[in-house]
Amino acid sequence: MTLRTITVNDLMQTGYTYTLAEPMGENFHPDFTPELTPREMLELGVFGGKYLTDCTGEFPADWFVNARLCHERHVPELNFFGVNASKPLAYWRAKGWIYHEDPRGWFQWYCRYYLGRRCADDERQIRRWRAMRRHIAQLAKNCPPGDLSCRRRQRQALLHWAYDSRQI
């Protein structure tokens, strides 16, 4: 594989570069098995449509063809489950959960990882992703199978972490 370098110039990063070390969508860490691709997540509706709207040039154009986005503001109705399941970025920063190379948070990390970037923060982000599995257990325990109206906020949060909560 020929290494490719990406240069980022958007509202949150200017002049940041990274190298794609793996083929897109391949060679993930064995403990990291997301159920949804970034494209699928954007098409379903995540983060109220207000995510990556100023940096579409960094990622494959086909990710955005059917994405449910709003450039102006966060619109919970654009989420698959129609509810707000997000905390503001300031909350994530205050918790110390934002890695300096991915100032938008986990989903930005995942998009870049999916593209083929590998970085020093991979193991921490994978641990955070795995920790979301507790919500799957709660849905299975408290919701009839296939009842997408049960715990919609929790289901939407799982979608934000690349778990396909429509299958629970």
N, C-alpha and C. Protein backbone atom coordinates (compact mmCIF):
# COMPACT_ATOMS: atom_id res chain seq x y z
N MET A 1 0.84 -1.19 0.00
CA MET A 1 0.00 0.00 0.00
C MET A 1 0.89 1.24 0.00
N THR A 2 0.55 2.18 -0.85
CA THR A 2 1.24 3.45 -0.89
C THR A 2 0.69 4.34 0.22
N LEU A 3 1.57 4.86 1.05
CA LEU A 3 1.13 5.74 2.12
C LEU A 3 0.63 7.06 1.54
N ARG A 4 -0.45 7.54 2.09
CA ARG A 4 -1.05 8.79 1.64
C ARG A 4 -1.15 9.72 2.82
N THR A 5 -0.84 10.97 2.63
CA THR A 5 -0.92 11.97 3.69
C THR A 5 -2.12 12.87 3.44
N ILE A 6 -2.86 13.12 4.52
CA ILE A 6 -4.03 14.00 4.48
C ILE A 6 -3.66 15.29 5.21
N THR A 7 -3.98 16.42 4.63
CA THR A 7 -3.79 17.71 5.30
C THR A 7 -5.17 18.28 5.59
N VAL A 8 -5.37 18.67 6.84
CA VAL A 8 -6.67 19.16 7.30
C VAL A 8 -6.63 20.67 7.46
N ASN A 9 -7.61 21.34 6.87
CA ASN A 9 -7.81 22.78 7.06
C ASN A 9 -9.31 23.02 7.17
N ASP A 10 -9.80 23.03 8.40
CA ASP A 10 -11.22 23.27 8.62
C ASP A 10 -11.37 24.26 9.77
N LEU A 11 -12.56 24.42 10.29
CA LEU A 11 -12.78 25.41 11.35
C LEU A 11 -12.09 25.06 12.67
N MET A 12 -11.76 23.79 12.88
CA MET A 12 -11.16 23.40 14.15
C MET A 12 -9.69 23.01 14.05
N GLN A 13 -9.20 22.80 12.85
CA GLN A 13 -7.80 22.43 12.65
C GLN A 13 -7.28 23.06 11.37
N THR A 14 -6.08 23.60 11.47
CA THR A 14 -5.43 24.17 10.29
C THR A 14 -4.03 23.61 10.20
N GLY A 15 -3.73 23.02 9.07
CA GLY A 15 -2.39 22.50 8.83
C GLY A 15 -2.08 21.19 9.52
N TYR A 16 -3.09 20.54 10.10
CA TYR A 16 -2.86 19.23 10.72
C TYR A 16 -2.71 18.19 9.61
N THR A 17 -1.71 17.34 9.70
CA THR A 17 -1.52 16.28 8.72
C THR A 17 -1.46 14.93 9.40
N TYR A 18 -1.93 13.93 8.68
CA TYR A 18 -1.80 12.56 9.16
C TYR A 18 -1.62 11.64 7.96
N THR A 19 -1.07 10.47 8.25
CA THR A 19 -0.77 9.50 7.21
C THR A 19 -1.70 8.31 7.34
N LEU A 20 -2.18 7.84 6.21
CA LEU A 20 -3.02 6.64 6.18
C LEU A 20 -2.08 5.44 6.08
N ALA A 21 -2.07 4.64 7.14
CA ALA A 21 -1.15 3.50 7.23
C ALA A 21 -1.80 2.18 6.87
N GLU A 22 -3.12 2.16 6.77
CA GLU A 22 -3.88 0.94 6.46
C GLU A 22 -4.89 1.24 5.36
N PRO A 23 -5.32 0.21 4.64
CA PRO A 23 -6.38 0.42 3.64
C PRO A 23 -7.69 0.81 4.34
N MET A 24 -8.49 1.62 3.68
CA MET A 24 -9.74 2.09 4.27
C MET A 24 -10.63 0.91 4.69
N GLY A 25 -11.11 0.96 5.93
CA GLY A 25 -12.04 -0.04 6.45
C GLY A 25 -11.41 -1.39 6.76
N GLU A 26 -10.09 -1.47 6.80
CA GLU A 26 -9.43 -2.76 7.00
C GLU A 26 -8.41 -2.69 8.13
N ASN A 27 -8.03 -3.88 8.58
CA ASN A 27 -6.96 -4.06 9.57
C ASN A 27 -7.23 -3.31 10.87
N PHE A 28 -8.45 -3.45 11.36
CA PHE A 28 -8.81 -2.86 12.64
C PHE A 28 -8.19 -3.68 13.77
N HIS A 29 -8.02 -3.05 14.91
CA HIS A 29 -7.59 -3.75 16.12
C HIS A 29 -8.60 -4.88 16.38
N PRO A 30 -8.15 -6.07 16.82
CA PRO A 30 -9.08 -7.19 17.00
C PRO A 30 -10.19 -6.92 18.03
N ASP A 31 -9.99 -5.99 18.94
CA ASP A 31 -11.02 -5.66 19.93
C ASP A 31 -11.98 -4.58 19.44
N PHE A 32 -11.79 -4.12 18.23
CA PHE A 32 -12.61 -3.03 17.69
C PHE A 32 -13.38 -3.54 16.47
N THR A 33 -14.68 -3.79 16.68
CA THR A 33 -15.54 -4.33 15.62
C THR A 33 -16.81 -3.49 15.48
N PRO A 34 -16.69 -2.27 15.01
CA PRO A 34 -17.88 -1.42 14.87
C PRO A 34 -18.88 -2.05 13.91
N GLU A 35 -20.15 -1.83 14.20
CA GLU A 35 -21.21 -2.41 13.38
C GLU A 35 -21.64 -1.50 12.23
N LEU A 36 -21.25 -0.24 12.31
CA LEU A 36 -21.62 0.73 11.29
C LEU A 36 -20.37 1.47 10.79
N THR A 37 -20.35 1.78 9.52
CA THR A 37 -19.28 2.60 8.97
C THR A 37 -19.61 4.07 9.20
N PRO A 38 -18.64 4.95 9.08
CA PRO A 38 -18.97 6.38 9.19
C PRO A 38 -20.03 6.80 8.18
N ARG A 39 -19.96 6.30 6.97
CA ARG A 39 -20.96 6.64 5.96
C ARG A 39 -22.36 6.22 6.42
N GLU A 40 -22.48 4.99 6.91
CA GLU A 40 -23.79 4.51 7.38
C GLU A 40 -24.31 5.35 8.53
N MET A 41 -23.42 5.73 9.43
CA MET A 41 -23.83 6.55 10.57
C MET A 41 -24.37 7.90 10.10
N LEU A 42 -23.65 8.55 9.18
CA LEU A 42 -24.08 9.85 8.67
C LEU A 42 -25.40 9.74 7.91
N GLU A 43 -25.61 8.64 7.20
CA GLU A 43 -26.87 8.43 6.47
C GLU A 43 -28.03 8.18 7.42
N LEU A 44 -27.78 7.47 8.52
CA LEU A 44 -28.84 7.20 9.48
C LEU A 44 -29.26 8.47 10.21
N GLY A 45 -28.30 9.31 10.50
CA GLY A 45 -28.56 10.53 11.25
C GLY A 45 -27.97 10.44 12.65
N VAL A 46 -26.87 11.14 12.83
CA VAL A 46 -26.18 11.18 14.12
C VAL A 46 -25.76 12.62 14.44
N PHE A 47 -25.64 12.88 15.72
CA PHE A 47 -25.14 14.18 16.21
C PHE A 47 -25.96 15.36 15.71
N GLY A 48 -27.23 15.15 15.52
CA GLY A 48 -28.11 16.23 15.09
C GLY A 48 -27.72 16.84 13.76
N GLY A 49 -26.98 16.08 12.96
CA GLY A 49 -26.59 16.55 11.64
C GLY A 49 -25.47 17.58 11.64
N LYS A 50 -25.04 17.99 12.80
CA LYS A 50 -24.02 19.06 12.89
C LYS A 50 -22.67 18.46 13.24
N TYR A 51 -22.14 17.67 12.34
CA TYR A 51 -20.86 17.03 12.58
C TYR A 51 -20.17 16.87 11.24
N LEU A 52 -18.97 17.32 11.15
CA LEU A 52 -18.15 17.23 9.93
C LEU A 52 -18.67 18.12 8.81
N THR A 53 -19.58 19.03 9.06
CA THR A 53 -20.16 19.82 7.97
C THR A 53 -19.16 20.77 7.35
N ASP A 54 -18.10 21.12 8.05
CA ASP A 54 -17.10 22.04 7.50
C ASP A 54 -15.84 21.31 7.03
N CYS A 55 -15.85 19.98 7.10
CA CYS A 55 -14.63 19.26 6.71
C CYS A 55 -14.94 18.08 5.79
N THR A 56 -15.91 18.26 4.93
CA THR A 56 -16.26 17.18 4.01
C THR A 56 -15.14 16.84 3.04
N GLY A 57 -14.24 17.78 2.79
CA GLY A 57 -13.13 17.52 1.88
C GLY A 57 -12.11 16.54 2.42
N GLU A 58 -12.11 16.32 3.71
CA GLU A 58 -11.16 15.38 4.33
C GLU A 58 -11.55 13.92 4.08
N PHE A 59 -12.82 13.67 3.91
CA PHE A 59 -13.33 12.31 3.85
C PHE A 59 -13.93 12.02 2.47
N PRO A 60 -14.13 10.74 2.15
CA PRO A 60 -14.69 10.40 0.83
C PRO A 60 -16.03 11.08 0.58
N ALA A 61 -16.19 11.59 -0.63
CA ALA A 61 -17.41 12.32 -0.99
C ALA A 61 -18.66 11.46 -0.83
N ASP A 62 -18.55 10.14 -1.08
CA ASP A 62 -19.74 9.29 -0.99
C ASP A 62 -20.27 9.18 0.44
N TRP A 63 -19.47 9.52 1.44
CA TRP A 63 -19.96 9.52 2.82
C TRP A 63 -21.06 10.56 3.01
N PHE A 64 -21.07 11.58 2.17
CA PHE A 64 -21.95 12.73 2.39
C PHE A 64 -23.11 12.80 1.40
N VAL A 65 -23.16 11.91 0.43
CA VAL A 65 -24.21 11.97 -0.59
C VAL A 65 -25.59 11.90 0.06
N ASN A 66 -25.81 10.97 0.97
CA ASN A 66 -27.12 10.81 1.62
C ASN A 66 -27.06 11.12 3.11
N ALA A 67 -26.03 11.84 3.53
CA ALA A 67 -25.88 12.18 4.95
C ALA A 67 -26.98 13.15 5.39
N ARG A 68 -27.41 12.97 6.62
CA ARG A 68 -28.44 13.84 7.19
C ARG A 68 -27.73 14.93 7.98
N LEU A 69 -27.47 16.06 7.31
CA LEU A 69 -26.65 17.13 7.89
C LEU A 69 -27.41 18.45 7.93
N CYS A 70 -26.98 19.29 8.85
CA CYS A 70 -27.45 20.67 8.91
C CYS A 70 -26.24 21.54 9.21
N HIS A 71 -25.88 22.40 8.28
CA HIS A 71 -24.69 23.23 8.44
C HIS A 71 -24.87 24.30 9.50
N GLU A 72 -26.09 24.72 9.75
CA GLU A 72 -26.34 25.85 10.64
C GLU A 72 -26.35 25.49 12.12
N ARG A 73 -26.94 24.34 12.46
CA ARG A 73 -27.12 24.04 13.89
C ARG A 73 -27.40 22.56 14.10
N HIS A 74 -27.37 22.16 15.34
CA HIS A 74 -27.71 20.79 15.77
C HIS A 74 -29.23 20.64 15.73
N VAL A 75 -29.71 19.65 14.98
CA VAL A 75 -31.15 19.43 14.83
C VAL A 75 -31.45 17.99 15.25
N PRO A 76 -31.92 17.76 16.48
CA PRO A 76 -32.15 16.40 16.94
C PRO A 76 -33.07 15.58 16.03
N GLU A 77 -33.99 16.23 15.35
CA GLU A 77 -34.91 15.52 14.46
C GLU A 77 -34.17 14.83 13.29
N LEU A 78 -32.96 15.25 13.01
CA LEU A 78 -32.17 14.60 11.96
C LEU A 78 -31.57 13.28 12.43
N ASN A 79 -31.52 13.08 13.73
CA ASN A 79 -31.03 11.80 14.26
C ASN A 79 -32.01 10.69 13.92
N PHE A 80 -31.50 9.49 13.74
CA PHE A 80 -32.34 8.36 13.37
C PHE A 80 -33.52 8.20 14.33
N PHE A 81 -33.26 8.34 15.63
CA PHE A 81 -34.32 8.17 16.62
C PHE A 81 -35.00 9.49 16.97
N GLY A 82 -34.63 10.58 16.32
CA GLY A 82 -35.31 11.86 16.47
C GLY A 82 -35.15 12.53 17.82
N VAL A 83 -34.14 12.12 18.59
CA VAL A 83 -33.92 12.69 19.92
C VAL A 83 -32.47 13.16 20.04
N ASN A 84 -32.25 14.05 20.99
CA ASN A 84 -30.91 14.51 21.27
C ASN A 84 -30.24 13.52 22.21
N ALA A 85 -29.13 12.97 21.80
CA ALA A 85 -28.38 12.04 22.64
C ALA A 85 -26.93 12.50 22.77
N SER A 86 -26.70 13.80 22.63
CA SER A 86 -25.35 14.35 22.64
C SER A 86 -25.14 15.27 23.83
N LYS A 87 -23.92 15.29 24.28
CA LYS A 87 -23.46 16.30 25.23
C LYS A 87 -22.70 17.34 24.42
N PRO A 88 -22.67 18.59 24.87
CA PRO A 88 -21.89 19.59 24.13
C PRO A 88 -20.39 19.28 24.18
N LEU A 89 -19.68 19.74 23.18
CA LEU A 89 -18.24 19.51 23.11
C LEU A 89 -17.54 20.02 24.37
N ALA A 90 -18.02 21.11 24.94
CA ALA A 90 -17.42 21.65 26.16
C ALA A 90 -17.45 20.62 27.29
N TYR A 91 -18.50 19.82 27.37
CA TYR A 91 -18.60 18.77 28.39
C TYR A 91 -17.48 17.74 28.20
N TRP A 92 -17.28 17.30 26.96
CA TRP A 92 -16.25 16.31 26.67
C TRP A 92 -14.87 16.87 26.96
N ARG A 93 -14.66 18.15 26.63
CA ARG A 93 -13.37 18.79 26.94
C ARG A 93 -13.13 18.84 28.44
N ALA A 94 -14.15 19.23 29.19
CA ALA A 94 -14.02 19.35 30.65
C ALA A 94 -13.68 18.00 31.29
N LYS A 95 -14.17 16.92 30.71
CA LYS A 95 -13.88 15.57 31.21
C LYS A 95 -12.49 15.09 30.80
N GLY A 96 -11.83 15.81 29.90
CA GLY A 96 -10.51 15.41 29.43
C GLY A 96 -10.55 14.28 28.42
N TRP A 97 -11.67 14.13 27.73
CA TRP A 97 -11.85 13.01 26.80
C TRP A 97 -11.47 13.35 25.36
N ILE A 98 -11.08 14.58 25.11
CA ILE A 98 -10.75 14.99 23.74
C ILE A 98 -9.24 14.90 23.53
N TYR A 99 -8.85 14.13 22.56
CA TYR A 99 -7.45 13.99 22.16
C TYR A 99 -7.10 15.15 21.24
N HIS A 100 -5.94 15.76 21.45
CA HIS A 100 -5.60 16.98 20.73
C HIS A 100 -5.62 16.83 19.20
N GLU A 101 -5.35 15.64 18.68
CA GLU A 101 -5.37 15.47 17.23
C GLU A 101 -6.78 15.33 16.66
N ASP A 102 -7.75 15.06 17.52
CA ASP A 102 -9.14 14.89 17.10
C ASP A 102 -10.03 15.81 17.94
N PRO A 103 -10.00 17.12 17.67
CA PRO A 103 -10.71 18.07 18.53
C PRO A 103 -12.23 17.95 18.51
N ARG A 104 -12.79 17.17 17.60
CA ARG A 104 -14.24 16.97 17.56
C ARG A 104 -14.67 15.74 18.37
N GLY A 105 -13.71 14.93 18.78
CA GLY A 105 -14.05 13.80 19.62
C GLY A 105 -14.00 12.45 18.95
N TRP A 106 -14.71 11.50 19.58
CA TRP A 106 -14.63 10.09 19.19
C TRP A 106 -14.97 9.86 17.73
N PHE A 107 -16.05 10.44 17.24
CA PHE A 107 -16.47 10.16 15.86
C PHE A 107 -15.42 10.63 14.86
N GLN A 108 -14.78 11.74 15.12
CA GLN A 108 -13.70 12.19 14.24
C GLN A 108 -12.55 11.18 14.28
N TRP A 109 -12.22 10.72 15.49
CA TRP A 109 -11.19 9.69 15.60
C TRP A 109 -11.60 8.47 14.77
N TYR A 110 -12.86 8.01 14.91
CA TYR A 110 -13.32 6.83 14.18
C TYR A 110 -13.25 7.04 12.67
N CYS A 111 -13.68 8.19 12.19
CA CYS A 111 -13.63 8.46 10.75
C CYS A 111 -12.20 8.35 10.24
N ARG A 112 -11.28 8.92 10.97
CA ARG A 112 -9.87 8.88 10.56
C ARG A 112 -9.29 7.47 10.69
N TYR A 113 -9.67 6.76 11.74
CA TYR A 113 -9.23 5.37 11.90
C TYR A 113 -9.77 4.52 10.75
N TYR A 114 -11.04 4.71 10.42
CA TYR A 114 -11.66 3.97 9.32
C TYR A 114 -10.92 4.24 8.01
N LEU A 115 -10.51 5.50 7.79
CA LEU A 115 -9.77 5.85 6.58
C LEU A 115 -8.43 5.13 6.51
N GLY A 116 -7.85 4.82 7.68
CA GLY A 116 -6.56 4.13 7.70
C GLY A 116 -5.52 4.76 8.60
N ARG A 117 -5.87 5.85 9.27
CA ARG A 117 -4.92 6.46 10.19
C ARG A 117 -4.80 5.60 11.44
N ARG A 118 -3.61 5.47 11.96
CA ARG A 118 -3.39 4.85 13.26
C ARG A 118 -2.59 5.87 14.08
N CYS A 119 -2.94 6.00 15.37
CA CYS A 119 -2.28 7.01 16.19
C CYS A 119 -2.16 6.55 17.64
N ALA A 120 -1.51 7.35 18.43
CA ALA A 120 -1.24 7.02 19.83
C ALA A 120 -2.51 6.90 20.66
N ASP A 121 -3.62 7.45 20.20
CA ASP A 121 -4.86 7.45 20.97
C ASP A 121 -5.76 6.26 20.66
N ASP A 122 -5.36 5.38 19.76
CA ASP A 122 -6.23 4.29 19.32
C ASP A 122 -6.70 3.40 20.47
N GLU A 123 -5.81 2.96 21.30
CA GLU A 123 -6.21 2.02 22.36
C GLU A 123 -7.20 2.65 23.33
N ARG A 124 -6.99 3.91 23.70
CA ARG A 124 -7.93 4.59 24.61
C ARG A 124 -9.30 4.70 23.96
N GLN A 125 -9.34 5.09 22.70
CA GLN A 125 -10.63 5.25 22.03
C GLN A 125 -11.35 3.91 21.87
N ILE A 126 -10.60 2.87 21.61
CA ILE A 126 -11.21 1.54 21.51
C ILE A 126 -11.76 1.10 22.85
N ARG A 127 -11.07 1.39 23.93
CA ARG A 127 -11.59 1.08 25.28
C ARG A 127 -12.89 1.86 25.53
N ARG A 128 -12.94 3.12 25.14
CA ARG A 128 -14.15 3.92 25.32
C ARG A 128 -15.30 3.32 24.51
N TRP A 129 -15.00 2.90 23.27
CA TRP A 129 -16.02 2.29 22.42
C TRP A 129 -16.56 1.02 23.07
N ARG A 130 -15.66 0.18 23.58
CA ARG A 130 -16.07 -1.08 24.22
C ARG A 130 -16.93 -0.81 25.46
N ALA A 131 -16.64 0.26 26.18
CA ALA A 131 -17.41 0.59 27.39
C ALA A 131 -18.88 0.89 27.08
N MET A 132 -19.18 1.27 25.86
CA MET A 132 -20.57 1.56 25.48
C MET A 132 -21.42 0.30 25.43
N ARG A 133 -20.80 -0.86 25.44
CA ARG A 133 -21.56 -2.12 25.36
C ARG A 133 -22.54 -2.29 26.52
N ARG A 134 -22.26 -1.64 27.64
CA ARG A 134 -23.18 -1.74 28.78
C ARG A 134 -24.59 -1.28 28.40
N HIS A 135 -24.67 -0.35 27.44
CA HIS A 135 -25.98 0.13 26.99
C HIS A 135 -26.72 -0.92 26.18
N ILE A 136 -25.99 -1.76 25.48
CA ILE A 136 -26.61 -2.86 24.74
C ILE A 136 -27.29 -3.80 25.73
N ALA A 137 -26.60 -4.12 26.81
CA ALA A 137 -27.16 -5.01 27.83
C ALA A 137 -28.42 -4.39 28.45
N GLN A 138 -28.40 -3.08 28.68
CA GLN A 138 -29.57 -2.42 29.26
C GLN A 138 -30.76 -2.46 28.31
N LEU A 139 -30.51 -2.25 27.03
CA LEU A 139 -31.60 -2.34 26.05
C LEU A 139 -32.16 -3.75 25.99
N ALA A 140 -31.28 -4.74 25.94
CA ALA A 140 -31.73 -6.13 25.87
C ALA A 140 -32.54 -6.51 27.10
N LYS A 141 -32.16 -5.98 28.25
CA LYS A 141 -32.85 -6.31 29.50
C LYS A 141 -34.20 -5.59 29.63
N ASN A 142 -34.29 -4.37 29.11
CA ASN A 142 -35.46 -3.53 29.37
C ASN A 142 -36.40 -3.30 28.20
N CYS A 143 -36.02 -3.74 27.01
CA CYS A 143 -36.85 -3.46 25.83
C CYS A 143 -37.25 -4.76 25.13
N PRO A 144 -38.48 -4.84 24.65
CA PRO A 144 -38.85 -5.99 23.81
C PRO A 144 -38.00 -5.98 22.54
N PRO A 145 -37.59 -7.12 22.06
CA PRO A 145 -36.78 -7.17 20.84
C PRO A 145 -37.46 -6.44 19.68
N GLY A 146 -36.69 -5.59 19.03
CA GLY A 146 -37.21 -4.88 17.86
C GLY A 146 -38.06 -3.66 18.15
N ASP A 147 -38.31 -3.34 19.42
CA ASP A 147 -39.13 -2.18 19.77
C ASP A 147 -38.24 -0.93 19.74
N LEU A 148 -38.18 -0.28 18.58
CA LEU A 148 -37.30 0.87 18.40
C LEU A 148 -37.78 2.11 19.15
N SER A 149 -38.99 2.06 19.69
CA SER A 149 -39.48 3.20 20.48
C SER A 149 -39.02 3.12 21.93
N CYS A 150 -38.48 2.00 22.32
CA CYS A 150 -38.03 1.81 23.70
C CYS A 150 -36.61 2.36 23.87
N ARG A 151 -36.45 3.29 24.79
CA ARG A 151 -35.14 3.89 25.12
C ARG A 151 -34.47 4.49 23.89
N ARG A 152 -35.19 5.38 23.23
CA ARG A 152 -34.69 5.98 22.00
C ARG A 152 -33.40 6.77 22.21
N ARG A 153 -33.29 7.46 23.32
CA ARG A 153 -32.07 8.24 23.56
C ARG A 153 -30.86 7.32 23.71
N GLN A 154 -31.05 6.24 24.42
CA GLN A 154 -29.96 5.27 24.60
C GLN A 154 -29.61 4.61 23.26
N ARG A 155 -30.62 4.30 22.46
CA ARG A 155 -30.38 3.72 21.13
C ARG A 155 -29.61 4.70 20.25
N GLN A 156 -30.00 5.98 20.30
CA GLN A 156 -29.30 6.99 19.50
C GLN A 156 -27.85 7.13 19.96
N ALA A 157 -27.62 7.11 21.26
CA ALA A 157 -26.25 7.19 21.77
C ALA A 157 -25.41 6.03 21.25
N LEU A 158 -25.98 4.85 21.19
CA LEU A 158 -25.26 3.71 20.65
C LEU A 158 -24.93 3.91 19.17
N LEU A 159 -25.86 4.49 18.41
CA LEU A 159 -25.57 4.80 17.01
C LEU A 159 -24.37 5.74 16.90
N HIS A 160 -24.27 6.69 17.82
CA HIS A 160 -23.15 7.63 17.81
C HIS A 160 -21.81 6.92 18.00
N TRP A 161 -21.86 5.72 18.53
CA TRP A 161 -20.64 4.95 18.79
C TRP A 161 -20.51 3.74 17.85
N ALA A 162 -21.20 3.78 16.73
CA ALA A 162 -21.10 2.76 15.67
C ALA A 162 -21.66 1.40 16.06
N TYR A 163 -22.56 1.38 17.04
CA TYR A 163 -23.32 0.17 17.36
C TYR A 163 -24.69 0.31 16.68
N ASP A 164 -25.15 -0.73 16.02
CA ASP A 164 -26.42 -0.67 15.32
C ASP A 164 -27.56 -1.08 16.26
N SER A 165 -28.05 -0.10 16.99
CA SER A 165 -29.08 -0.39 18.00
C SER A 165 -30.43 -0.73 17.39
N ARG A 166 -30.56 -0.63 16.08
CA ARG A 166 -31.81 -1.08 15.42
C ARG A 166 -31.93 -2.58 15.47
N GLN A 167 -30.84 -3.28 15.70
CA GLN A 167 -30.81 -4.74 15.69
C GLN A 167 -31.08 -5.35 17.07
N ILE A 168 -31.28 -4.50 18.07
CA ILE A 168 -31.46 -5.01 19.45
C ILE A 168 -32.95 -5.13 19.76
